[in-house]
Amino acid sequence: MTIADRLRNLHRKTYEANERRIRALVSTPRRFERTDLDTYERELFDSIPGDWEVSSPAVLRAAIRRSPVVLVGDYHTLRQSQRGFLRVLRAIRSRRLLVGLEFIMARYQRHVDAFLAGDIPEDTFLRRIRYHQSWPSYQVWPNFRPIFEYARRRGLRVLALDCEPDECGTVFSRAAFAAWRVAEALRETPRVAVLMGEAHLAPGHLPRELREAFDRMNLRLPILTIHQTLDPLYFDLARKGLDSRVDVVRLSEDRFYVPVSSPVAAQSSFLAAVSDEPWAVRPDEPASLKREFATYVRELARLLGLRVRGRLAGVTVCGPGCLREIGQVSERVDEDVFRWLQTQVEEGESVCLPDQGFVYLAELTPTHIAEEAAHFLKATEAGGPIPDDPSDFVYSRVLHEAVGYFGSKIFNPKRKPPTLATLRESALRSLDLDEGEIAPTHLIAAILAAWHRRAAVRRSFVRSALDQRVRDSGFAQGLADLGPEVIRPLVHLVGYELGERLYTAFRDRLIGTRDLRRLFRTDFEAPGEAFATFHGLALRLRSIRLPPRF
């Protein structure tokens, strides 16, 4: 069995196991019949054409810009789904745009308007739209908040599209209700972008209802549909070796698929959100969390031909809120290490300290757990104390980030490395900046990373080059003058891109398991070793072409 076959088999088995769990969770839905939901979803999957073709982000952007009505499929608990919708909104580039969301009941429209106008605070808004009653099983507001923030900054109106159970007795009637809401609103606004549950976007569901509403109102408006989670098509792409190569698939002239995540990652976002279920990984169930973490460590080790027996013995694995375990490890480390640990936890970063028998997971998503499993596997294979030399420190961090990112891609091939745009999003969220601005520290990191990308693939590139570049930029002590607020995004940008290339080379058999075992067994902290290893990989992987992303 080839590496690709083993990866596909792993994804398929995990997917089937998760599907059984989800079926158990939604076997008795409150609002609709199980048979209706099955039919609704089956009609979506049956609508996937067999003659789909690979497309490109440029083609999709052009289609978005010329379409007055854009429908985007949502997977409510998957943050990448709502982020994908934000990318669509940015691609439209219009201030005369209506944003339609299934997230809120239409009866609360006046509260939506008041919140966007700044007349009521967030907690009042959530209380008035009965958010906790509408979403009792899982809390998705953090996923949707950036959409509201974007609409407020751009002066866009948000249209609430969901209906009360007594108004919409079946899942089919929800699409008809939303269609008429959108059609009426288009009398006043020339463009609309709608985010609704993926199954609503089958051609015979919301698109058909919209066309019927438009016909009755004598409107002639083309409709563009963008799917984000079509599991059968994703596995078809995987079977053809295209899952990590293709970012846009064209299903028809007015219908696209943009896989923002692997099906397993989407499923796990749901299972993690419903945290009161016995099979969900809960931060307050360390035994369950450790078993989950150990599964990722063992699967990754098996793929690479590494042994893990005994490595997890005595290791504590905990998630967000495990203050008792953090307190215990603080008694075993010196003050500097504990301050670093505390900073990591406060800033939402994970911590992997195998020598102290401690792993802290800031997020419980499969992608994040897989990344930390790779860090753990690497640290227990080879490593030493943190280097004092700034260049050794930076390049050792870059390599660790590359290894972790590589491990996460094994389990989620659709993961994308961070870009300047993602740094801008982070800065906007944390610093209340106007759109288009970026925090100075993030900007410094992005400029250095862009320069490093061009320079590092030259044979003449030397270990001191980055440090000298920083000095030439006005920092007298070079890398030593850069604080963690610059170093962290810098090593993520450089390391994750290297990890993306490493995964692509492994997938394409340009790098084998023997090379990866050698990488995992290299002591990145040894003097000069990290740069030599990094530069060797940069040269070897410079011909790898990464696919364009939407």
Protein backbone atom coordinates (compact mmCIF):
# COMPACT_ATOMS: atom_id res chain seq x y z
CA MET A 1 0.00 0.00 0.00
CA THR A 2 1.40 3.41 -0.99
CA ILE A 3 1.71 6.38 1.37
CA ALA A 4 -1.20 8.07 -0.42
CA ASP A 5 -3.34 4.93 -0.04
CA ARG A 6 -2.54 4.74 3.66
CA LEU A 7 -3.50 8.39 4.16
CA ARG A 8 -6.77 7.95 2.28
CA ASN A 9 -7.57 4.82 4.25
CA LEU A 10 -6.90 6.64 7.52
CA HIS A 11 -9.18 9.53 6.54
CA ARG A 12 -11.96 7.25 5.34
CA LYS A 13 -12.00 5.10 8.50
CA THR A 14 -11.95 8.16 10.75
CA TYR A 15 -14.74 9.73 8.71
CA GLU A 16 -16.95 6.64 8.97
CA ALA A 17 -16.41 6.43 12.73
CA ASN A 18 -17.28 10.11 13.16
CA GLU A 19 -20.33 9.72 10.94
CA ARG A 20 -21.69 7.03 13.24
CA ARG A 21 -21.21 9.33 16.22
CA ILE A 22 -22.96 12.23 14.52
CA ARG A 23 -25.86 10.02 13.42
CA ALA A 24 -26.36 9.08 17.05
CA LEU A 25 -26.31 12.74 18.05
CA VAL A 26 -28.96 13.90 15.56
CA SER A 27 -31.10 10.76 15.51
CA THR A 28 -34.02 12.65 17.09
CA PRO A 29 -33.85 16.31 15.96
CA ARG A 30 -36.19 18.72 17.67
CA ARG A 31 -37.45 20.61 14.63
CA PHE A 32 -37.55 18.15 11.74
CA GLU A 33 -38.08 14.51 10.87
CA ARG A 34 -34.98 12.38 10.49
CA THR A 35 -36.22 11.12 7.13
CA ASP A 36 -36.62 14.71 5.88
CA LEU A 37 -33.05 15.56 6.86
CA ASP A 38 -31.74 12.41 5.16
CA THR A 39 -33.65 13.21 1.97
CA TYR A 40 -32.51 16.83 2.02
CA GLU A 41 -28.85 15.84 2.35
CA ARG A 42 -29.13 13.01 -0.19
CA GLU A 43 -30.55 15.42 -2.77
CA LEU A 44 -27.49 17.61 -2.24
CA PHE A 45 -25.05 14.74 -2.77
CA ASP A 46 -27.05 13.37 -5.72
CA SER A 47 -26.77 16.76 -7.40
CA ILE A 48 -22.97 16.55 -7.64
CA PRO A 49 -22.23 16.09 -11.36
CA GLY A 50 -19.81 13.45 -12.53
CA ASP A 51 -18.24 15.79 -15.08
CA TRP A 52 -16.91 18.38 -12.66
CA GLU A 53 -13.65 20.08 -13.58
CA VAL A 54 -10.72 21.62 -11.76
CA SER A 55 -10.91 25.41 -11.74
CA SER A 56 -8.90 28.23 -10.16
CA PRO A 57 -9.32 31.02 -7.58
CA ALA A 58 -9.09 33.61 -10.38
CA VAL A 59 -12.04 32.09 -12.23
CA LEU A 60 -14.06 31.93 -9.01
CA ARG A 61 -13.30 35.55 -8.10
CA ALA A 62 -14.43 36.69 -11.54
CA ALA A 63 -17.68 34.74 -11.15
CA ILE A 64 -18.27 36.26 -7.72
CA ARG A 65 -17.76 39.82 -8.95
CA ARG A 66 -20.23 39.53 -11.80
CA SER A 67 -22.95 37.70 -9.80
CA PRO A 68 -25.60 39.81 -8.03
CA VAL A 69 -26.69 36.80 -5.92
CA VAL A 70 -24.05 34.60 -4.27
CA LEU A 71 -25.03 31.62 -2.10
CA VAL A 72 -22.37 30.09 0.17
CA GLY A 73 -22.74 26.79 2.02
CA ASP A 74 -22.22 26.81 5.78
CA TYR A 75 -21.09 24.17 8.28
CA HIS A 76 -22.11 25.98 11.44
CA THR A 77 -19.48 24.65 13.86
CA LEU A 78 -16.59 24.85 11.38
CA ARG A 79 -14.80 28.18 11.74
CA GLN A 80 -13.16 27.79 8.33
CA SER A 81 -16.65 27.81 6.82
CA GLN A 82 -17.49 31.28 8.13
CA ARG A 83 -13.98 32.49 7.24
CA GLY A 84 -14.58 31.23 3.71
CA PHE A 85 -17.73 33.36 3.56
CA LEU A 86 -15.70 36.39 4.64
CA ARG A 87 -13.33 35.75 1.73
CA VAL A 88 -16.32 35.81 -0.60
CA LEU A 89 -17.52 39.11 0.88
CA ARG A 90 -14.09 40.65 0.36
CA ALA A 91 -14.00 39.39 -3.22
CA ILE A 92 -17.29 41.18 -4.00
CA ARG A 93 -15.79 44.59 -3.18
CA SER A 94 -19.07 46.45 -2.94
CA ARG A 95 -20.63 48.62 -0.27
CA ARG A 96 -24.08 48.16 -1.81
CA LEU A 97 -24.26 44.61 -0.57
CA LEU A 98 -26.73 42.74 1.60
CA VAL A 99 -25.40 39.94 3.85
CA GLY A 100 -27.95 37.18 4.47
CA LEU A 101 -27.44 34.82 7.42
CA GLU A 102 -29.40 31.73 8.45
CA PHE A 103 -27.75 32.22 11.85
CA ILE A 104 -30.60 34.45 13.16
CA MET A 105 -34.38 34.25 13.19
CA ALA A 106 -36.01 36.85 10.92
CA ARG A 107 -38.23 38.07 13.74
CA TYR A 108 -35.14 39.58 15.42
CA GLN A 109 -34.18 41.79 12.46
CA ARG A 110 -34.62 45.01 14.43
CA HIS A 111 -32.08 43.80 17.01
CA VAL A 112 -29.61 42.95 14.24
CA ASP A 113 -29.99 46.48 12.87
CA ALA A 114 -29.54 47.99 16.34
CA PHE A 115 -26.41 45.94 17.02
CA LEU A 116 -24.76 46.91 13.72
CA ALA A 117 -25.64 50.55 14.36
CA GLY A 118 -23.87 50.37 17.72
CA ASP A 119 -27.06 51.06 19.67
CA ILE A 120 -26.82 47.91 21.81
CA PRO A 121 -23.78 45.98 23.14
CA GLU A 122 -22.98 42.39 22.20
CA ASP A 123 -24.38 40.76 25.34
CA THR A 124 -27.69 42.60 24.93
CA PHE A 125 -27.83 41.63 21.27
CA LEU A 126 -27.27 37.94 22.02
CA ARG A 127 -29.90 38.02 24.73
CA ARG A 128 -32.50 39.72 22.53
CA ILE A 129 -32.04 37.29 19.63
CA ARG A 130 -32.32 34.42 22.16
CA TYR A 131 -29.00 33.10 20.98
CA HIS A 132 -28.53 30.53 23.73
CA GLN A 133 -32.05 29.21 23.22
CA SER A 134 -31.66 29.10 19.42
CA TRP A 135 -28.30 27.31 19.65
CA PRO A 136 -28.61 25.21 22.81
CA SER A 137 -26.40 22.31 21.74
CA TYR A 138 -23.34 24.25 20.64
CA GLN A 139 -22.17 27.82 20.71
CA VAL A 140 -21.19 29.25 17.33
CA TRP A 141 -21.29 33.00 17.96
CA PRO A 142 -17.44 33.26 18.01
CA ASN A 143 -17.46 31.88 14.45
CA PHE A 144 -20.02 34.44 13.25
CA ARG A 145 -18.79 37.50 15.15
CA PRO A 146 -16.14 38.38 12.48
CA ILE A 147 -18.89 38.53 9.85
CA PHE A 148 -20.81 41.09 11.91
CA GLU A 149 -17.60 43.04 12.56
CA TYR A 150 -16.88 43.14 8.84
CA ALA A 151 -20.44 44.25 8.02
CA ARG A 152 -20.24 47.03 10.60
CA ARG A 153 -16.90 48.29 9.27
CA ARG A 154 -18.18 48.27 5.69
CA GLY A 155 -21.61 49.69 6.50
CA LEU A 156 -23.40 46.60 5.19
CA ARG A 157 -26.84 45.45 6.27
CA VAL A 158 -27.24 41.91 7.65
CA LEU A 159 -30.51 40.17 6.82
CA ALA A 160 -31.77 37.49 9.24
CA LEU A 161 -33.07 34.49 7.26
CA ASP A 162 -34.17 31.74 9.64
CA CYS A 163 -37.81 31.16 10.57
CA GLU A 164 -39.65 30.03 13.65
CA PRO A 165 -40.58 26.32 13.92
CA ASP A 166 -44.30 27.12 13.76
CA GLU A 167 -43.72 29.01 10.49
CA CYS A 168 -41.46 26.41 8.89
CA GLY A 169 -42.58 22.94 9.85
CA THR A 170 -40.19 21.15 7.50
CA VAL A 171 -36.58 21.62 6.49
CA PHE A 172 -37.78 22.24 2.91
CA SER A 173 -39.93 25.22 3.93
CA ARG A 174 -36.93 27.00 5.48
CA ALA A 175 -35.40 27.45 2.02
CA ALA A 176 -38.67 28.91 0.67
CA PHE A 177 -38.87 31.33 3.60
CA ALA A 178 -35.28 32.50 3.13
CA ALA A 179 -35.79 32.88 -0.62
CA TRP A 180 -38.68 35.29 -0.18
CA ARG A 181 -36.75 37.29 2.43
CA VAL A 182 -33.86 37.68 0.01
CA ALA A 183 -36.07 38.48 -2.99
CA GLU A 184 -37.93 41.21 -1.12
CA ALA A 185 -34.68 42.75 0.10
CA LEU A 186 -33.26 42.86 -3.43
CA ARG A 187 -35.85 45.50 -4.30
CA GLU A 188 -33.66 47.98 -2.37
CA THR A 189 -30.15 46.47 -2.55
CA PRO A 190 -28.59 45.36 -5.86
CA ARG A 191 -26.40 42.57 -4.50
CA VAL A 192 -26.67 39.87 -1.84
CA ALA A 193 -24.37 37.22 -0.39
CA VAL A 194 -26.08 34.49 1.64
CA LEU A 195 -24.59 32.01 4.11
CA MET A 196 -26.87 29.02 4.75
CA GLY A 197 -26.46 25.40 5.73
CA GLU A 198 -24.80 23.40 2.96
CA ALA A 199 -27.79 21.15 2.23
CA HIS A 200 -29.94 24.22 1.46
CA LEU A 201 -27.73 24.90 -1.56
CA ALA A 202 -28.71 21.82 -3.58
CA PRO A 203 -30.04 23.10 -6.94
CA GLY A 204 -33.56 21.96 -6.07
CA HIS A 205 -33.59 23.72 -2.70
CA LEU A 206 -32.70 27.39 -2.09
CA PRO A 207 -31.54 28.15 -5.69
CA ARG A 208 -34.84 26.88 -7.12
CA GLU A 209 -36.89 28.72 -4.50
CA LEU A 210 -35.01 31.93 -5.30
CA ARG A 211 -35.62 31.59 -9.03
CA GLU A 212 -39.33 31.03 -8.44
CA ALA A 213 -39.49 34.10 -6.20
CA PHE A 214 -37.57 36.15 -8.77
CA ASP A 215 -39.96 35.04 -11.55
CA ARG A 216 -42.98 36.17 -9.55
CA MET A 217 -41.34 39.55 -8.97
CA ASN A 218 -40.17 39.88 -12.61
CA LEU A 219 -36.52 39.86 -11.54
CA ARG A 220 -33.88 38.40 -13.85
CA LEU A 221 -30.89 37.79 -11.60
CA PRO A 222 -28.26 35.07 -12.09
CA ILE A 223 -27.41 33.02 -9.00
CA LEU A 224 -23.93 31.78 -8.11
CA THR A 225 -23.63 28.85 -5.68
CA ILE A 226 -20.43 28.12 -3.75
CA HIS A 227 -20.26 24.89 -1.76
CA GLN A 228 -17.68 24.44 1.00
CA THR A 229 -18.36 20.94 2.37
CA LEU A 230 -19.27 18.22 -0.13
CA ASP A 231 -17.92 15.03 1.41
CA PRO A 232 -18.39 12.68 -1.59
CA LEU A 233 -16.62 15.10 -3.92
CA TYR A 234 -13.79 15.61 -1.44
CA PHE A 235 -13.16 11.87 -1.30
CA ASP A 236 -13.35 11.73 -5.10
CA LEU A 237 -10.63 14.39 -5.22
CA ALA A 238 -8.60 12.43 -2.66
CA ARG A 239 -8.94 9.23 -4.69
CA LYS A 240 -7.47 11.07 -7.67
CA GLY A 241 -4.70 12.63 -5.58
CA LEU A 242 -6.16 16.13 -5.96
CA ASP A 243 -7.40 16.85 -2.43
CA SER A 244 -4.40 18.96 -1.42
CA ARG A 245 -3.64 20.27 -4.92
CA VAL A 246 -6.98 21.79 -5.87
CA ASP A 247 -8.64 24.75 -4.17
CA VAL A 248 -11.55 25.34 -6.55
CA VAL A 249 -13.75 22.86 -8.45
CA ARG A 250 -16.33 23.92 -11.03
CA LEU A 251 -19.53 21.87 -10.96
CA SER A 252 -21.37 23.89 -13.61
CA GLU A 253 -21.35 27.38 -15.08
CA ASP A 254 -22.91 28.89 -11.95
CA ARG A 255 -21.82 26.40 -9.28
CA PHE A 256 -18.44 25.89 -7.55
CA TYR A 257 -16.93 23.83 -4.74
CA VAL A 258 -14.23 25.32 -2.52
CA PRO A 259 -13.17 22.69 0.06
CA VAL A 260 -12.23 24.76 3.10
CA SER A 261 -11.52 21.71 5.24
CA SER A 262 -11.32 17.95 5.19
CA PRO A 263 -14.58 16.15 6.06
CA VAL A 264 -12.96 14.77 9.22
CA ALA A 265 -12.06 18.25 10.44
CA ALA A 266 -15.62 19.43 9.78
CA GLN A 267 -17.12 16.45 11.62
CA SER A 268 -14.80 16.92 14.56
CA SER A 269 -15.74 20.58 14.87
CA PHE A 270 -19.31 19.42 15.43
CA LEU A 271 -18.36 16.67 17.87
CA ALA A 272 -16.13 19.04 19.82
CA ALA A 273 -18.86 21.70 19.92
CA VAL A 274 -21.38 19.31 21.43
CA SER A 275 -19.09 18.94 24.40
CA ASP A 276 -21.63 17.41 26.74
CA GLU A 277 -21.67 14.15 24.79
CA PRO A 278 -19.57 11.20 26.12
CA TRP A 279 -17.60 10.75 22.89
CA ALA A 280 -16.61 14.39 22.46
CA VAL A 281 -13.07 15.29 23.62
CA ARG A 282 -13.56 17.47 26.66
CA PRO A 283 -10.87 19.58 28.28
CA ASP A 284 -12.03 18.42 31.71
CA GLU A 285 -11.61 14.73 30.82
CA PRO A 286 -7.81 14.30 30.72
CA ALA A 287 -7.94 10.51 30.26
CA SER A 288 -10.11 10.85 27.15
CA LEU A 289 -8.00 13.71 25.84
CA LYS A 290 -4.78 11.76 26.36
CA ARG A 291 -6.20 8.77 24.46
CA GLU A 292 -7.10 11.07 21.57
CA PHE A 293 -3.66 12.68 21.60
CA ALA A 294 -1.97 9.28 21.78
CA THR A 295 -3.93 8.11 18.74
CA TYR A 296 -2.50 10.92 16.65
CA VAL A 297 1.03 10.29 17.96
CA ARG A 298 0.81 6.57 17.15
CA GLU A 299 -0.70 7.07 13.68
CA LEU A 300 1.94 9.61 12.73
CA ALA A 301 4.74 7.43 14.12
CA ARG A 302 3.41 4.41 12.23
CA LEU A 303 3.34 6.38 9.00
CA LEU A 304 6.96 7.51 9.45
CA GLY A 305 8.29 4.24 10.81
CA LEU A 306 9.08 5.57 14.30
CA ARG A 307 8.57 3.75 17.59
CA VAL A 308 6.53 5.35 20.36
CA ARG A 309 6.24 2.60 22.95
CA GLY A 310 6.55 4.04 26.43
CA ARG A 311 6.88 7.66 25.36
CA LEU A 312 3.49 8.70 26.66
CA ALA A 313 3.84 6.95 30.01
CA GLY A 314 3.50 9.48 32.79
CA VAL A 315 2.69 12.34 30.39
CA THR A 316 -0.19 14.64 31.33
CA VAL A 317 -2.26 15.90 28.39
CA CYS A 318 -4.78 18.62 29.17
CA GLY A 319 -6.84 21.23 27.38
CA PRO A 320 -8.17 24.75 27.97
CA GLY A 321 -8.89 25.52 31.60
CA CYS A 322 -6.67 22.84 33.18
CA LEU A 323 -5.33 25.18 35.85
CA ARG A 324 -4.59 22.40 38.32
CA GLU A 325 -2.27 20.60 35.89
CA ILE A 326 -0.55 23.86 34.94
CA GLY A 327 -0.04 24.57 38.62
CA GLN A 328 1.53 21.15 39.10
CA VAL A 329 4.01 21.58 36.26
CA SER A 330 4.92 25.05 37.54
CA GLU A 331 6.40 23.37 40.62
CA ARG A 332 8.83 21.40 38.44
CA VAL A 333 10.19 24.18 36.20
CA ASP A 334 12.24 27.31 36.84
CA GLU A 335 10.75 30.80 36.85
CA ASP A 336 11.70 31.66 33.27
CA VAL A 337 10.09 28.52 31.86
CA PHE A 338 6.95 29.10 33.89
CA ARG A 339 6.65 32.72 32.66
CA TRP A 340 6.96 31.45 29.10
CA LEU A 341 4.36 28.75 29.78
CA GLN A 342 2.01 31.31 31.30
CA THR A 343 2.41 33.62 28.30
CA GLN A 344 1.70 30.76 25.90
CA VAL A 345 -1.50 29.82 27.72
CA GLU A 346 -2.68 33.43 28.01
CA GLU A 347 -2.17 33.99 24.27
CA GLY A 348 -4.00 30.83 23.26
CA GLU A 349 -0.88 28.87 22.28
CA SER A 350 -0.21 25.22 23.06
CA VAL A 351 2.69 23.94 25.14
CA CYS A 352 4.65 20.72 24.61
CA LEU A 353 7.15 19.87 27.39
CA PRO A 354 7.87 16.13 27.05
CA ASP A 355 10.83 16.33 29.46
CA GLN A 356 8.39 17.58 32.09
CA GLY A 357 5.70 15.07 31.10
CA PHE A 358 3.27 17.83 30.11
CA VAL A 359 1.29 18.74 26.99
CA TYR A 360 -1.22 21.60 26.96
CA LEU A 361 -3.61 21.82 24.00
CA ALA A 362 -5.03 25.31 23.48
CA GLU A 363 -7.52 23.96 20.93
CA LEU A 364 -9.13 20.55 20.64
CA THR A 365 -9.54 20.45 16.88
CA PRO A 366 -8.05 17.51 14.96
CA THR A 367 -5.70 19.85 13.09
CA HIS A 368 -4.34 21.32 16.30
CA ILE A 369 -4.03 18.01 18.13
CA ALA A 370 -2.19 16.54 15.13
CA GLU A 371 0.23 19.47 15.09
CA GLU A 372 1.06 19.06 18.75
CA ALA A 373 1.39 15.28 18.30
CA ALA A 374 4.07 15.96 15.68
CA HIS A 375 5.81 18.36 18.07
CA PHE A 376 5.73 15.72 20.78
CA LEU A 377 7.05 13.01 18.48
CA LYS A 378 9.89 15.26 17.31
CA ALA A 379 10.84 16.40 20.82
CA THR A 380 10.98 12.83 22.11
CA GLU A 381 13.10 11.71 19.13
CA ALA A 382 15.81 14.35 19.47
CA GLY A 383 16.32 17.78 20.96
CA GLY A 384 18.20 19.81 23.51
CA PRO A 385 17.97 22.99 25.56
CA ILE A 386 16.74 26.19 23.92
CA PRO A 387 19.66 27.81 22.03
CA ASP A 388 21.11 31.06 23.36
CA ASP A 389 22.23 32.23 19.93
CA PRO A 390 19.40 34.26 18.28
CA SER A 391 19.90 32.74 14.82
CA ASP A 392 19.99 29.21 16.20
CA PHE A 393 16.86 29.97 18.21
CA VAL A 394 14.89 31.38 15.26
CA TYR A 395 15.79 28.58 12.85
CA SER A 396 15.14 25.87 15.44
CA ARG A 397 11.68 27.37 15.98
CA VAL A 398 11.10 27.53 12.23
CA LEU A 399 11.93 23.82 11.88
CA HIS A 400 9.73 22.84 14.81
CA GLU A 401 6.84 24.79 13.26
CA ALA A 402 7.49 23.08 9.91
CA VAL A 403 7.42 19.63 11.53
CA GLY A 404 4.23 20.43 13.43
CA TYR A 405 2.54 21.81 10.35
CA PHE A 406 3.57 18.75 8.35
CA GLY A 407 1.98 16.50 10.99
CA SER A 408 -1.27 18.47 10.87
CA LYS A 409 -1.42 18.22 7.07
CA ILE A 410 -1.30 14.43 7.34
CA PHE A 411 -4.68 14.56 9.08
CA ASN A 412 -6.09 17.67 7.39
CA PRO A 413 -4.71 18.07 3.84
CA LYS A 414 -6.86 21.18 3.29
CA ARG A 415 -5.04 23.20 5.93
CA LYS A 416 -3.51 26.36 4.50
CA PRO A 417 -0.37 28.14 5.73
CA PRO A 418 -0.80 31.69 7.07
CA THR A 419 -0.40 34.62 4.71
CA LEU A 420 -0.17 38.40 5.05
CA ALA A 421 -3.97 38.45 4.78
CA THR A 422 -4.38 36.15 7.78
CA LEU A 423 -1.94 38.29 9.77
CA ARG A 424 -4.07 41.31 8.88
CA GLU A 425 -7.22 39.53 10.11
CA SER A 426 -5.49 38.70 13.40
CA ALA A 427 -4.33 42.27 13.84
CA LEU A 428 -7.78 43.68 13.13
CA ARG A 429 -9.38 41.39 15.69
CA SER A 430 -6.85 42.15 18.41
CA LEU A 431 -6.23 45.87 17.93
CA ASP A 432 -9.51 47.36 16.67
CA LEU A 433 -7.83 48.67 13.52
CA ASP A 434 -9.56 49.88 10.39
CA GLU A 435 -9.70 47.40 7.56
CA GLY A 436 -6.57 47.50 5.45
CA GLU A 437 -4.34 48.42 8.41
CA ILE A 438 -2.05 45.95 10.12
CA ALA A 439 -0.32 45.91 13.50
CA PRO A 440 3.31 47.15 13.21
CA THR A 441 4.72 43.95 14.72
CA HIS A 442 2.79 41.79 12.25
CA LEU A 443 3.92 44.04 9.42
CA ILE A 444 7.57 43.65 10.42
CA ALA A 445 7.14 39.87 10.54
CA ALA A 446 5.43 39.82 7.14
CA ILE A 447 8.13 41.99 5.51
CA LEU A 448 10.92 39.83 6.94
CA ALA A 449 9.15 36.63 5.89
CA ALA A 450 8.65 37.91 2.34
CA TRP A 451 12.33 38.84 2.08
CA HIS A 452 13.37 35.52 3.62
CA ARG A 453 11.25 33.56 1.14
CA ARG A 454 13.19 35.06 -1.77
CA ALA A 455 16.63 34.95 -0.17
CA ALA A 456 16.62 31.53 1.49
CA VAL A 457 16.48 29.56 -1.77
CA ARG A 458 19.85 30.93 -2.92
CA ARG A 459 22.91 28.77 -2.40
CA SER A 460 24.81 31.85 -1.20
CA PHE A 461 22.33 32.40 1.66
CA VAL A 462 24.19 32.23 4.99
CA ARG A 463 23.20 31.77 8.62
CA SER A 464 23.81 35.41 9.56
CA ALA A 465 21.82 36.86 6.64
CA LEU A 466 18.49 37.19 8.48
CA ASP A 467 20.16 38.73 11.52
CA GLN A 468 21.97 41.22 9.29
CA ARG A 469 18.74 42.06 7.49
CA VAL A 470 17.13 42.90 10.82
CA ARG A 471 20.11 45.09 11.78
CA ASP A 472 19.90 46.88 8.44
CA SER A 473 16.22 47.55 9.20
CA GLY A 474 17.14 49.61 12.26
CA PHE A 475 17.41 47.03 15.06
CA ALA A 476 20.92 47.45 16.46
CA GLN A 477 21.08 44.00 18.08
CA GLY A 478 19.49 42.22 15.14
CA LEU A 479 17.25 39.26 15.97
CA ALA A 480 17.97 39.74 19.66
CA ASP A 481 16.03 43.02 19.51
CA LEU A 482 12.85 41.42 18.16
CA GLY A 483 10.33 40.50 20.82
CA PRO A 484 8.01 37.47 20.78
CA GLU A 485 5.26 39.58 19.17
CA VAL A 486 7.45 39.64 16.00
CA ILE A 487 9.31 36.34 16.31
CA ARG A 488 6.12 34.28 16.74
CA PRO A 489 4.38 35.35 13.49
CA LEU A 490 7.72 35.31 11.67
CA VAL A 491 8.54 31.69 12.52
CA HIS A 492 4.95 30.69 11.77
CA LEU A 493 5.05 32.27 8.31
CA VAL A 494 8.43 30.76 7.43
CA GLY A 495 7.94 27.43 9.19
CA TYR A 496 4.43 26.72 7.98
CA GLU A 497 5.36 27.42 4.37
CA LEU A 498 8.30 25.03 4.71
CA GLY A 499 5.93 22.49 6.26
CA GLU A 500 3.54 22.93 3.32
CA ARG A 501 6.37 22.23 0.89
CA LEU A 502 7.55 19.29 2.98
CA TYR A 503 4.09 17.72 2.94
CA THR A 504 3.70 18.32 -0.80
CA ALA A 505 7.08 16.69 -1.49
CA PHE A 506 6.16 13.73 0.73
CA ARG A 507 2.80 13.34 -0.96
CA ASP A 508 4.44 13.44 -4.39
CA ARG A 509 7.17 10.97 -3.32
CA LEU A 510 9.95 13.50 -3.75
CA ILE A 511 10.83 12.96 -0.10
CA GLY A 512 10.49 9.57 1.57
CA THR A 513 9.91 8.30 5.08
CA ARG A 514 13.66 7.78 5.53
CA ASP A 515 14.24 11.52 4.94
CA LEU A 516 11.51 12.39 7.40
CA ARG A 517 12.85 10.03 10.04
CA ARG A 518 16.24 11.71 9.66
CA LEU A 519 14.56 15.10 10.09
CA PHE A 520 12.72 13.98 13.23
CA ARG A 521 15.98 12.58 14.64
CA THR A 522 17.96 15.77 14.03
CA ASP A 523 18.79 17.89 17.08
CA PHE A 524 17.52 21.30 15.96
CA GLU A 525 18.97 22.91 19.09
CA ALA A 526 22.61 21.91 18.40
CA PRO A 527 24.79 24.91 17.40
CA GLY A 528 24.41 25.65 13.69
CA GLU A 529 22.32 22.53 13.04
CA ALA A 530 18.98 24.26 12.59
CA PHE A 531 20.13 26.62 9.86
CA ALA A 532 22.02 23.89 8.01
CA THR A 533 18.94 21.68 8.07
CA PHE A 534 16.61 24.51 7.09
CA HIS A 535 18.75 25.71 4.20
CA GLY A 536 19.22 22.18 2.91
CA LEU A 537 15.44 21.69 2.87
CA ALA A 538 14.83 25.11 1.32
CA LEU A 539 17.15 24.30 -1.56
CA ARG A 540 15.75 20.81 -2.01
CA LEU A 541 12.13 21.98 -1.96
CA ARG A 542 12.44 25.24 -3.87
CA SER A 543 11.06 23.70 -7.06
CA ILE A 544 7.86 22.62 -5.29
CA ARG A 545 4.97 24.63 -6.69
CA LEU A 546 2.19 25.26 -4.20
CA PRO A 547 -1.36 25.49 -5.59
CA PRO A 548 -3.08 28.90 -5.67
CA ARG A 549 -5.56 29.40 -2.82
CA PHE A 550 -8.87 31.21 -2.65
